[in-house]
C-alpha atoms as a PDB file:
ATOM      1  CA  MET A   1    -147.150  30.613  86.381  1.00  0.00           C
ATOM      2  CA  ILE A   2    -147.729  34.315  86.923  1.00  0.00           C
ATOM      3  CA  PRO A   3    -151.482  35.006  87.140  1.00  0.00           C
ATOM      4  CA  LEU A   4    -153.002  36.954  84.262  1.00  0.00           C
ATOM      5  CA  ASP A   5    -154.549  39.447  86.683  1.00  0.00           C
ATOM      6  CA  ALA A   6    -151.092  40.258  88.046  1.00  0.00           C
ATOM      7  CA  ILE A   7    -149.750  40.875  84.528  1.00  0.00           C
ATOM      8  CA  ARG A   8    -152.690  43.120  83.652  1.00  0.00           C
ATOM      9  CA  ALA A   9    -152.249  45.035  86.903  1.00  0.00           C
ATOM     10  CA  ALA A  10    -148.568  45.454  86.085  1.00  0.00           C
ATOM     11  CA  ARG A  11    -149.445  47.019  82.739  1.00  0.00           C
ATOM     12  CA  GLN A  12    -151.498  49.691  84.480  1.00  0.00           C
ATOM     13  CA  ARG A  13    -148.853  50.246  87.134  1.00  0.00           C
ATOM     14  CA  ILE A  14    -145.926  50.775  84.758  1.00  0.00           C
ATOM     15  CA  ALA A  15    -147.788  52.743  82.070  1.00  0.00           C
ATOM     16  CA  ASP A  16    -145.972  55.993  82.879  1.00  0.00           C
ATOM     17  CA  ALA A  17    -142.531  54.366  83.102  1.00  0.00           C
ATOM     18  CA  ALA A  18    -142.214  51.850  80.251  1.00  0.00           C
ATOM     19  CA  ILE A  19    -143.413  52.498  76.712  1.00  0.00           C
ATOM     20  CA  ARG A  20    -145.515  50.191  74.550  1.00  0.00           C
ATOM     21  CA  THR A  21    -142.848  49.133  72.069  1.00  0.00           C
ATOM     22  CA  PRO A  22    -143.573  48.601  68.363  1.00  0.00           C
ATOM     23  CA  LEU A  23    -143.897  45.238  66.671  1.00  0.00           C
ATOM     24  CA  VAL A  24    -142.413  45.377  63.159  1.00  0.00           C
ATOM     25  CA  ARG A  25    -141.869  42.881  60.343  1.00  0.00           C
ATOM     26  CA  LEU A  26    -138.324  41.856  59.467  1.00  0.00           C
ATOM     27  CA  GLU A  27    -138.119  41.806  55.688  1.00  0.00           C
ATOM     28  CA  VAL A  28    -135.874  38.825  55.089  1.00  0.00           C
ATOM     29  CA  ASP A  29    -136.024  35.428  53.398  1.00  0.00           C
ATOM     30  CA  ALA A  30    -136.525  32.942  56.209  1.00  0.00           C
ATOM     31  CA  PRO A  31    -138.396  29.718  56.998  1.00  0.00           C
ATOM     32  CA  CYS A  32    -140.978  31.771  58.877  1.00  0.00           C
ATOM     33  CA  GLU A  33    -142.585  35.213  59.006  1.00  0.00           C
ATOM     34  CA  ILE A  34    -140.384  37.097  61.476  1.00  0.00           C
ATOM     35  CA  TRP A  35    -141.706  39.931  63.623  1.00  0.00           C
ATOM     36  CA  LEU A  36    -139.566  41.999  65.989  1.00  0.00           C
ATOM     37  CA  LYS A  37    -140.716  43.192  69.418  1.00  0.00           C
ATOM     38  CA  LEU A  38    -138.415  46.191  69.858  1.00  0.00           C
ATOM     39  CA  GLU A  39    -137.660  46.370  73.573  1.00  0.00           C
ATOM     40  CA  ASN A  40    -134.371  48.062  72.670  1.00  0.00           C
ATOM     41  CA  LEU A  41    -136.500  51.212  72.305  1.00  0.00           C
ATOM     42  CA  GLN A  42    -137.379  51.399  76.004  1.00  0.00           C
ATOM     43  CA  PRO A  43    -136.033  54.538  77.766  1.00  0.00           C
ATOM     44  CA  ILE A  44    -133.117  52.494  79.138  1.00  0.00           C
ATOM     45  CA  GLY A  45    -132.654  50.475  75.928  1.00  0.00           C
ATOM     46  CA  SER A  46    -133.940  47.226  77.454  1.00  0.00           C
ATOM     47  CA  PHE A  47    -137.083  45.344  78.530  1.00  0.00           C
ATOM     48  CA  LYS A  48    -135.741  45.295  82.099  1.00  0.00           C
ATOM     49  CA  LEU A  49    -137.483  48.571  82.834  1.00  0.00           C
ATOM     50  CA  ARG A  50    -140.827  46.756  82.861  1.00  0.00           C
ATOM     51  CA  GLY A  51    -139.955  44.364  85.655  1.00  0.00           C
ATOM     52  CA  ALA A  52    -137.977  46.890  87.683  1.00  0.00           C
ATOM     53  CA  ALA A  53    -140.813  49.416  87.512  1.00  0.00           C
ATOM     54  CA  ASN A  54    -143.470  46.906  88.533  1.00  0.00           C
ATOM     55  CA  ARG A  55    -141.454  45.591  91.461  1.00  0.00           C
ATOM     56  CA  MET A  56    -140.570  49.014  92.802  1.00  0.00           C
ATOM     57  CA  LEU A  57    -143.935  50.670  92.223  1.00  0.00           C
ATOM     58  CA  SER A  58    -145.728  47.790  93.952  1.00  0.00           C
ATOM     59  CA  ALA A  59    -143.474  47.952  97.029  1.00  0.00           C
ATOM     60  CA  PRO A  60    -144.706  49.811 100.133  1.00  0.00           C
ATOM     61  CA  ARG A  61    -142.998  53.205 100.378  1.00  0.00           C
ATOM     62  CA  ASN A  62    -141.405  52.334 103.731  1.00  0.00           C
ATOM     63  CA  GLU A  63    -139.575  49.419 102.080  1.00  0.00           C
ATOM     64  CA  LEU A  64    -137.933  51.884  99.700  1.00  0.00           C
ATOM     65  CA  ALA A  65    -136.838  54.343 102.380  1.00  0.00           C
ATOM     66  CA  ARG A  66    -133.257  53.026 102.555  1.00  0.00           C
ATOM     67  CA  GLY A  67    -132.955  52.786  98.799  1.00  0.00           C
ATOM     68  CA  VAL A  68    -132.708  49.796  96.476  1.00  0.00           C
ATOM     69  CA  TRP A  69    -130.000  47.582  95.075  1.00  0.00           C
ATOM     70  CA  THR A  70    -129.675  44.848  92.515  1.00  0.00           C
ATOM     71  CA  ALA A  71    -127.198  42.441  90.952  1.00  0.00           C
ATOM     72  CA  SER A  72    -127.014  42.910  87.207  1.00  0.00           C
ATOM     73  CA  ALA A  73    -124.759  42.700  84.166  1.00  0.00           C
ATOM     74  CA  GLY A  74    -126.124  46.058  83.159  1.00  0.00           C
ATOM     75  CA  ASN A  75    -129.707  46.175  81.912  1.00  0.00           C
ATOM     76  CA  MET A  76    -131.634  45.415  85.124  1.00  0.00           C
ATOM     77  CA  ALA A  77    -129.279  47.805  86.860  1.00  0.00           C
ATOM     78  CA  GLN A  78    -130.324  50.537  84.458  1.00  0.00           C
ATOM     79  CA  GLY A  79    -133.982  49.762  85.058  1.00  0.00           C
ATOM     80  CA  VAL A  80    -133.581  49.906  88.828  1.00  0.00           C
ATOM     81  CA  ALA A  81    -131.420  53.051  88.669  1.00  0.00           C
ATOM     82  CA  TYR A  82    -133.903  54.731  86.319  1.00  0.00           C
ATOM     83  CA  MET A  83    -136.807  54.046  88.660  1.00  0.00           C
ATOM     84  CA  ALA A  84    -134.769  54.990  91.747  1.00  0.00           C
ATOM     85  CA  ARG A  85    -134.067  58.374  90.186  1.00  0.00           C
ATOM     86  CA  GLN A  86    -137.772  58.817  89.443  1.00  0.00           C
ATOM     87  CA  LEU A  87    -138.634  57.962  93.052  1.00  0.00           C
ATOM     88  CA  GLY A  88    -135.812  60.026  94.554  1.00  0.00           C
ATOM     89  CA  ILE A  89    -134.078  57.141  96.347  1.00  0.00           C
ATOM     90  CA  ALA A  90    -130.547  55.719  96.372  1.00  0.00           C
ATOM     91  CA  CYS A  91    -129.475  52.815  94.163  1.00  0.00           C
ATOM     92  CA  SER A  92    -126.476  50.478  94.317  1.00  0.00           C
ATOM     93  CA  VAL A  93    -125.544  47.814  91.773  1.00  0.00           C
ATOM     94  CA  VAL A  94    -123.434  44.689  92.232  1.00  0.00           C
ATOM     95  CA  ILE A  95    -121.967  44.245  88.761  1.00  0.00           C
ATOM     96  CA  PRO A  96    -119.606  41.581  87.324  1.00  0.00           C
ATOM     97  CA  ASP A  97    -116.125  42.653  86.322  1.00  0.00           C
ATOM     98  CA  THR A  98    -116.973  41.420  82.792  1.00  0.00           C
ATOM     99  CA  ALA A  99    -119.784  43.963  82.302  1.00  0.00           C
ATOM    100  CA  PRO A 100    -119.397  46.094  79.161  1.00  0.00           C
ATOM    101  CA  GLN A 101    -118.381  49.720  79.479  1.00  0.00           C
ATOM    102  CA  ALA A 102    -121.509  50.984  77.728  1.00  0.00           C
ATOM    103  CA  LYS A 103    -123.700  49.489  80.441  1.00  0.00           C
ATOM    104  CA  ARG A 104    -121.431  50.672  83.272  1.00  0.00           C
ATOM    105  CA  ALA A 105    -121.531  54.236  81.962  1.00  0.00           C
ATOM    106  CA  ALA A 106    -125.313  54.123  81.576  1.00  0.00           C
ATOM    107  CA  ILE A 107    -125.815  52.948  85.170  1.00  0.00           C
ATOM    108  CA  GLU A 108    -123.646  55.747  86.524  1.00  0.00           C
ATOM    109  CA  ARG A 109    -125.360  58.289  84.290  1.00  0.00           C
ATOM    110  CA  LEU A 110    -128.656  57.283  85.893  1.00  0.00           C
ATOM    111  CA  GLY A 111    -127.216  57.745  89.384  1.00  0.00           C
ATOM    112  CA  GLY A 112    -126.446  54.141  90.293  1.00  0.00           C
ATOM    113  CA  ARG A 113    -123.436  53.332  92.486  1.00  0.00           C
ATOM    114  CA  LEU A 114    -121.347  50.485  91.018  1.00  0.00           C
ATOM    115  CA  VAL A 115    -119.954  47.676  93.180  1.00  0.00           C
ATOM    116  CA  PRO A 116    -117.774  45.586  90.783  1.00  0.00           C
ATOM    117  CA  VAL A 117    -117.037  41.983  91.823  1.00  0.00           C
ATOM    118  CA  PRO A 118    -115.670  38.816  90.133  1.00  0.00           C
ATOM    119  CA  PHE A 119    -118.199  37.009  87.935  1.00  0.00           C
ATOM    120  CA  ALA A 120    -118.620  33.991  90.253  1.00  0.00           C
ATOM    121  CA  GLU A 121    -119.201  36.227  93.270  1.00  0.00           C
ATOM    122  CA  TRP A 122    -121.691  38.303  91.304  1.00  0.00           C
ATOM    123  CA  PHE A 123    -123.627  35.231  90.136  1.00  0.00           C
ATOM    124  CA  GLU A 124    -123.809  33.930  93.703  1.00  0.00           C
ATOM    125  CA  THR A 125    -125.638  37.107  94.732  1.00  0.00           C
ATOM    126  CA  PHE A 126    -128.676  35.896  92.811  1.00  0.00           C
ATOM    127  CA  ARG A 127    -128.879  32.954  95.221  1.00  0.00           C
ATOM    128  CA  THR A 128    -128.042  34.671  98.513  1.00  0.00           C
ATOM    129  CA  ARG A 129    -129.837  37.955  97.782  1.00  0.00           C
ATOM    130  CA  LYS A 130    -127.386  39.540 100.225  1.00  0.00           C
ATOM    131  CA  ARG A 131    -124.306  41.748 100.048  1.00  0.00           C
ATOM    132  CA  ALA A 132    -122.304  43.012 103.018  1.00  0.00           C
ATOM    133  CA  GLY A 133    -122.239  46.782 103.231  1.00  0.00           C
ATOM    134  CA  ILE A 134    -125.299  47.396 101.046  1.00  0.00           C
ATOM    135  CA  GLU A 135    -128.623  48.436 102.515  1.00  0.00           C
ATOM    136  CA  GLY A 136    -132.059  48.755 101.012  1.00  0.00           C
ATOM    137  CA  LEU A 137    -134.597  46.646  99.157  1.00  0.00           C
ATOM    138  CA  PHE A 138    -133.064  44.004  96.890  1.00  0.00           C
ATOM    139  CA  ILE A 139    -134.597  43.884  93.412  1.00  0.00           C
ATOM    140  CA  HIS A 140    -133.952  40.449  91.910  1.00  0.00           C
ATOM    141  CA  ALA A 141    -133.281  40.534  88.182  1.00  0.00           C
ATOM    142  CA  PHE A 142    -135.447  37.517  87.324  1.00  0.00           C
ATOM    143  CA  SER A 143    -136.593  35.301  90.233  1.00  0.00           C
ATOM    144  CA  ASP A 144    -139.387  37.569  91.455  1.00  0.00           C
ATOM    145  CA  ASP A 145    -143.094  37.342  90.662  1.00  0.00           C
ATOM    146  CA  ALA A 146    -143.544  41.113  90.343  1.00  0.00           C
ATOM    147  CA  VAL A 147    -140.568  41.363  87.982  1.00  0.00           C
ATOM    148  CA  MET A 148    -141.928  38.538  85.839  1.00  0.00           C
ATOM    149  CA  ALA A 149    -145.388  40.112  85.831  1.00  0.00           C
ATOM    150  CA  GLY A 150    -143.830  43.285  84.448  1.00  0.00           C
ATOM    151  CA  ASN A 151    -142.080  41.251  81.770  1.00  0.00           C
ATOM    152  CA  GLY A 152    -145.342  39.486  80.999  1.00  0.00           C
ATOM    153  CA  THR A 153    -146.819  42.747  79.718  1.00  0.00           C
ATOM    154  CA  ILE A 154    -144.763  42.147  76.575  1.00  0.00           C
ATOM    155  CA  GLY A 155    -146.893  39.076  75.923  1.00  0.00           C
ATOM    156  CA  LEU A 156    -150.097  41.075  76.231  1.00  0.00           C
ATOM    157  CA  GLU A 157    -148.872  43.619  73.687  1.00  0.00           C
ATOM    158  CA  ILE A 158    -147.737  40.966  71.208  1.00  0.00           C
ATOM    159  CA  LEU A 159    -151.126  39.249  71.201  1.00  0.00           C
ATOM    160  CA  GLU A 160    -152.939  42.550  70.767  1.00  0.00           C
ATOM    161  CA  ASP A 161    -150.703  43.687  67.897  1.00  0.00           C
ATOM    162  CA  LEU A 162    -150.428  40.490  65.832  1.00  0.00           C
ATOM    163  CA  ASP A 163    -153.213  38.044  65.042  1.00  0.00           C
ATOM    164  CA  GLY A 164    -152.351  34.375  64.762  1.00  0.00           C
ATOM    165  CA  VAL A 165    -149.001  34.310  66.546  1.00  0.00           C
ATOM    166  CA  ASP A 166    -147.477  30.838  66.273  1.00  0.00           C
ATOM    167  CA  ALA A 167    -144.304  31.236  68.308  1.00  0.00           C
ATOM    168  CA  ILE A 168    -142.385  33.728  70.419  1.00  0.00           C
ATOM    169  CA  VAL A 169    -138.629  33.521  70.952  1.00  0.00           C
ATOM    170  CA  ALA A 170    -137.169  35.336  73.964  1.00  0.00           C
ATOM    171  CA  PRO A 171    -133.550  35.486  75.154  1.00  0.00           C
ATOM    172  CA  PHE A 172    -132.929  33.347  78.238  1.00  0.00           C
ATOM    173  CA  GLY A 173    -130.713  34.797  80.946  1.00  0.00           C
ATOM    174  CA  GLY A 174    -132.202  33.966  84.330  1.00  0.00           C
ATOM    175  CA  GLY A 175    -135.542  33.032  82.788  1.00  0.00           C
ATOM    176  CA  GLY A 176    -137.606  35.980  84.002  1.00  0.00           C
ATOM    177  CA  LEU A 177    -138.298  37.381  80.537  1.00  0.00           C
ATOM    178  CA  SER A 178    -139.348  34.169  78.819  1.00  0.00           C
ATOM    179  CA  CYS A 179    -141.362  32.895  81.802  1.00  0.00           C
ATOM    180  CA  GLY A 180    -143.153  36.211  82.226  1.00  0.00           C
ATOM    181  CA  ILE A 181    -144.123  36.309  78.552  1.00  0.00           C
ATOM    182  CA  ALA A 182    -145.046  32.616  78.513  1.00  0.00           C
ATOM    183  CA  SER A 183    -147.331  33.086  81.526  1.00  0.00           C
ATOM    184  CA  ALA A 184    -149.405  35.567  79.539  1.00  0.00           C
ATOM    185  CA  ILE A 185    -149.330  33.502  76.347  1.00  0.00           C
ATOM    186  CA  ARG A 186    -150.263  30.233  78.068  1.00  0.00           C
ATOM    187  CA  GLN A 187    -153.400  31.818  79.521  1.00  0.00           C
ATOM    188  CA  LEU A 188    -154.485  33.753  76.415  1.00  0.00           C
ATOM    189  CA  ARG A 189    -153.202  31.747  73.422  1.00  0.00           C
ATOM    190  CA  PRO A 190    -152.082  28.312  74.631  1.00  0.00           C
ATOM    191  CA  ARG A 191    -151.523  27.026  71.077  1.00  0.00           C
ATOM    192  CA  ALA A 192    -148.606  29.456  70.610  1.00  0.00           C
ATOM    193  CA  HIS A 193    -145.175  28.169  71.636  1.00  0.00           C
ATOM    194  CA  VAL A 194    -142.699  30.241  73.635  1.00  0.00           C
ATOM    195  CA  TYR A 195    -139.030  29.323  73.231  1.00  0.00           C
ATOM    196  CA  ALA A 196    -135.885  30.304  75.075  1.00  0.00           C
ATOM    197  CA  ALA A 197    -133.023  31.633  72.948  1.00  0.00           C
ATOM    198  CA  GLU A 198    -129.506  30.741  74.072  1.00  0.00           C
ATOM    199  CA  VAL A 199    -126.010  30.861  72.618  1.00  0.00           C
ATOM    200  CA  ASP A 200    -123.752  27.805  72.424  1.00  0.00           C
ATOM    201  CA  THR A 201    -120.971  29.440  74.452  1.00  0.00           C
ATOM    202  CA  SER A 202    -123.287  29.358  77.479  1.00  0.00           C
ATOM    203  CA  ALA A 203    -126.596  27.495  77.301  1.00  0.00           C
ATOM    204  CA  PRO A 204    -127.497  26.393  80.837  1.00  0.00           C
ATOM    205  CA  PHE A 205    -131.215  25.941  80.164  1.00  0.00           C
ATOM    206  CA  ALA A 206    -130.600  23.582  77.234  1.00  0.00           C
ATOM    207  CA  ALA A 207    -128.183  21.605  79.412  1.00  0.00           C
ATOM    208  CA  ALA A 208    -130.704  21.435  82.250  1.00  0.00           C
ATOM    209  CA  LEU A 209    -133.449  20.220  79.921  1.00  0.00           C
ATOM    210  CA  ALA A 210    -131.147  17.487  78.607  1.00  0.00           C
ATOM    211  CA  ALA A 211    -130.235  16.394  82.137  1.00  0.00           C
ATOM    212  CA  GLY A 212    -133.703  16.796  83.608  1.00  0.00           C
ATOM    213  CA  ALA A 213    -132.353  19.095  86.321  1.00  0.00           C
ATOM    214  CA  PRO A 214    -130.080  22.137  86.631  1.00  0.00           C
ATOM    215  CA  VAL A 215    -126.442  21.283  85.950  1.00  0.00           C
ATOM    216  CA  THR A 216    -123.276  23.359  86.052  1.00  0.00           C
ATOM    217  CA  ILE A 217    -121.721  24.116  82.679  1.00  0.00           C
ATOM    218  CA  THR A 218    -118.634  25.965  81.535  1.00  0.00           C
ATOM    219  CA  HIS A 219    -119.487  29.603  80.916  1.00  0.00           C
ATOM    220  CA  HIS A 220    -117.496  31.353  78.180  1.00  0.00           C
ATOM    221  CA  PRO A 221    -117.857  35.159  78.323  1.00  0.00           C
ATOM    222  CA  THR A 222    -118.541  36.713  74.905  1.00  0.00           C
ATOM    223  CA  PHE A 223    -120.108  39.873  73.493  1.00  0.00           C
ATOM    224  CA  VAL A 224    -123.440  38.177  74.258  1.00  0.00           C
ATOM    225  CA  ASP A 225    -123.291  39.362  77.858  1.00  0.00           C
ATOM    226  CA  GLY A 226    -126.998  39.626  78.689  1.00  0.00           C
ATOM    227  CA  ILE A 227    -127.756  35.885  78.678  1.00  0.00           C
ATOM    228  CA  GLY A 228    -126.024  32.710  79.757  1.00  0.00           C
ATOM    229  CA  GLY A 229    -124.402  31.623  82.984  1.00  0.00           C
ATOM    230  CA  PRO A 230    -122.990  28.580  84.749  1.00  0.00           C
ATOM    231  CA  PHE A 231    -126.411  27.120  85.653  1.00  0.00           C
ATOM    232  CA  VAL A 232    -130.146  27.783  85.864  1.00  0.00           C
ATOM    233  CA  PHE A 233    -131.530  28.429  89.322  1.00  0.00           C
ATOM    234  CA  PRO A 234    -133.753  25.538  90.484  1.00  0.00           C
ATOM    235  CA  GLU A 235    -136.917  27.600  91.003  1.00  0.00           C
ATOM    236  CA  MET A 236    -136.561  29.128  87.538  1.00  0.00           C
ATOM    237  CA  PHE A 237    -135.893  25.759  85.916  1.00  0.00           C
ATOM    238  CA  ALA A 238    -139.085  24.358  87.432  1.00  0.00           C
ATOM    239  CA  LEU A 239    -141.073  27.277  86.036  1.00  0.00           C
ATOM    240  CA  ALA A 240    -139.357  27.394  82.642  1.00  0.00           C
ATOM    241  CA  ARG A 241    -139.732  23.655  82.075  1.00  0.00           C
ATOM    242  CA  GLN A 242    -143.471  24.043  82.693  1.00  0.00           C
ATOM    243  CA  LEU A 243    -143.968  27.102  80.481  1.00  0.00           C
ATOM    244  CA  LEU A 244    -141.445  26.951  77.644  1.00  0.00           C
ATOM    245  CA  GLN A 245    -141.423  24.719  74.597  1.00  0.00           C
ATOM    246  CA  GLY A 246    -137.651  24.333  74.718  1.00  0.00           C
ATOM    247  CA  SER A 247    -134.326  26.068  74.168  1.00  0.00           C
ATOM    248  CA  LEU A 248    -133.135  27.179  70.724  1.00  0.00           C
ATOM    249  CA  VAL A 249    -129.344  27.369  70.776  1.00  0.00           C
ATOM    250  CA  SER A 250    -127.447  29.422  68.186  1.00  0.00           C
ATOM    251  CA  SER A 251    -123.736  29.738  67.518  1.00  0.00           C
ATOM    252  CA  ILE A 252    -121.888  32.898  68.437  1.00  0.00           C
ATOM    253  CA  ASP A 253    -121.272  33.469  64.719  1.00  0.00           C
ATOM    254  CA  ASP A 254    -124.999  33.246  63.945  1.00  0.00           C
ATOM    255  CA  VAL A 255    -125.833  35.708  66.717  1.00  0.00           C
ATOM    256  CA  ALA A 256    -123.274  38.177  65.347  1.00  0.00           C
ATOM    257  CA  SER A 257    -124.792  37.729  61.891  1.00  0.00           C
ATOM    258  CA  ALA A 258    -128.267  38.442  63.294  1.00  0.00           C
ATOM    259  CA  VAL A 259    -127.056  41.645  64.973  1.00  0.00           C
ATOM    260  CA  ARG A 260    -125.467  42.661  61.662  1.00  0.00           C
ATOM    261  CA  LEU A 261    -128.644  41.861  59.734  1.00  0.00           C
ATOM    262  CA  LEU A 262    -130.836  43.899  62.075  1.00  0.00           C
ATOM    263  CA  ALA A 263    -128.588  46.925  61.636  1.00  0.00           C
ATOM    264  CA  ALA A 264    -128.270  46.583  57.864  1.00  0.00           C
ATOM    265  CA  ARG A 265    -131.879  45.711  56.973  1.00  0.00           C
ATOM    266  CA  SER A 266    -133.915  47.494  59.633  1.00  0.00           C
ATOM    267  CA  ARG A 267    -131.515  50.043  61.164  1.00  0.00           C
ATOM    268  CA  ILE A 268    -132.025  48.351  64.528  1.00  0.00           C
ATOM    269  CA  VAL A 269    -129.214  48.308  67.091  1.00  0.00           C
ATOM    270  CA  ALA A 270    -129.396  45.107  69.126  1.00  0.00           C
ATOM    271  CA  GLU A 271    -127.043  43.747  71.750  1.00  0.00           C
ATOM    272  CA  GLY A 272    -126.003  40.108  71.575  1.00  0.00           C
ATOM    273  CA  ALA A 273    -128.868  38.822  73.704  1.00  0.00           C
ATOM    274  CA  GLY A 274    -131.305  40.760  71.549  1.00  0.00           C
ATOM    275  CA  GLY A 275    -129.854  39.168  68.427  1.00  0.00           C
ATOM    276  CA  ALA A 276    -130.038  35.627  69.810  1.00  0.00           C
ATOM    277  CA  SER A 277    -133.798  35.334  69.348  1.00  0.00           C
ATOM    278  CA  VAL A 278    -133.522  36.510  65.731  1.00  0.00           C
ATOM    279  CA  ALA A 279    -130.693  34.057  65.043  1.00  0.00           C
ATOM    280  CA  ALA A 280    -132.893  31.209  66.290  1.00  0.00           C
ATOM    281  CA  ALA A 281    -135.830  32.226  64.092  1.00  0.00           C
ATOM    282  CA  LEU A 282    -133.645  32.659  61.010  1.00  0.00           C
ATOM    283  CA  SER A 283    -132.402  29.083  61.437  1.00  0.00           C
ATOM    284  CA  GLY A 284    -135.932  27.691  61.267  1.00  0.00           C
ATOM    285  CA  LYS A 285    -135.733  26.230  64.775  1.00  0.00           C
ATOM    286  CA  ALA A 286    -138.822  28.162  65.877  1.00  0.00           C
ATOM    287  CA  GLY A 287    -140.896  26.617  63.098  1.00  0.00           C
ATOM    288  CA  THR A 288    -142.910  28.219  60.336  1.00  0.00           C
ATOM    289  CA  GLY A 289    -145.771  30.668  60.515  1.00  0.00           C
ATOM    290  CA  LYS A 290    -145.687  33.924  62.479  1.00  0.00           C
ATOM    291  CA  VAL A 291    -142.699  34.062  64.828  1.00  0.00           C
ATOM    292  CA  VAL A 292    -142.103  37.015  67.144  1.00  0.00           C
ATOM    293  CA  CYS A 293    -138.512  37.624  68.229  1.00  0.00           C
ATOM    294  CA  VAL A 294    -138.044  39.716  71.348  1.00  0.00           C
ATOM    295  CA  VAL A 295    -135.182  42.134  70.716  1.00  0.00           C
ATOM    296  CA  SER A 296    -134.536  42.424  74.425  1.00  0.00           C
ATOM    297  CA  GLY A 297    -132.052  45.286  74.399  1.00  0.00           C
ATOM    298  CA  GLY A 298    -129.729  47.490  72.395  1.00  0.00           C
ATOM    299  CA  ASN A 299    -127.022  48.309  74.920  1.00  0.00           C
ATOM    300  CA  ILE A 300    -123.922  47.151  73.079  1.00  0.00           C
ATOM    301  CA  ASP A 301    -120.462  48.723  73.218  1.00  0.00           C
ATOM    302  CA  SER A 302    -119.802  50.784  70.099  1.00  0.00           C
ATOM    303  CA  THR A 303    -116.472  49.018  69.491  1.00  0.00           C
ATOM    304  CA  LYS A 304    -118.183  45.614  69.526  1.00  0.00           C
ATOM    305  CA  LEU A 305    -120.946  46.808  67.231  1.00  0.00           C
ATOM    306  CA  ALA A 306    -118.369  48.259  64.849  1.00  0.00           C
ATOM    307  CA  ALA A 307    -116.530  44.937  64.760  1.00  0.00           C
ATOM    308  CA  ILE A 308    -119.764  43.054  64.030  1.00  0.00           C
ATOM    309  CA  LEU A 309    -120.727  45.458  61.253  1.00  0.00           C
ATOM    310  CA  ALA A 310    -117.263  44.914  59.767  1.00  0.00           C
ATOM    311  CA  GLY A 311    -117.981  41.178  59.553  1.00  0.00           C
ATOM    312  CA  GLU A 312    -116.095  40.145  62.670  1.00  0.00           C
ATOM    313  CA  VAL A 313    -117.080  38.409  65.907  1.00  0.00           C
ATOM    314  CA  PRO A 314    -115.825  40.450  68.898  1.00  0.00           C
ATOM    315  CA  ASN A 315    -113.647  38.667  71.435  1.00  0.00           C
END
């Protein structure tokens, strides 16, 4: 668990980089009262700025001298590139060849250098934390205490903005978002449950919980590109199993419907991962009462969003 003092220190450290995002009610008939934590409104369109900023701003300046690099499907890369530009240092990004064009363009716009690799090779970088030919400080997208402390600031804001929270649903990619939030919630409101949101085309945390240990699953790439993978890393599974109430798995159709609903009812643009938490709450899987859904990001390709708004599910 990330200590509460570390999360509070992160909030002070990142105050000039990440904004305090609004918490708004979703007006919809549902089994619960749904609230939306709009991390899609961060300067980079994703919560990842919080963790990237905390990790980089807490690093000694000499560690940043040769620049930074990360492995990311797009959102952490934008957070790292954004902060690198603010600090005046170089940034490289190992990115999977499946990454959407909208995220690629955003990384380059922020000054990041792209290093595209096959998906399996990209995923392996999270384990090795190494890449031949790239220098600088590696910023891990999820398995890093400082990154999770930055993410945990979301939990502080939720508790301050909404009395009587019963549950929080956060998209589960590597586990850094949900575990960071749950660390804050466990220490301040232990009665509230924190759930992972996954999609049935790739739900490694649900599979690991069922097996009692991380297992390798078949990963099917979809428009929900910000979460899912072939397995959960062992250190993150140990933490997530301790902190999270479970995994809420939605179908790809239900996630598309949630993205469509957010746009139609609230004029909110959410990427697939951001819609997954809402899909879970709409199903009733998160229970009744006050449920906060973390809309983790809004970086979705315009063609995919157009297809979803037209009632389709993008390939």
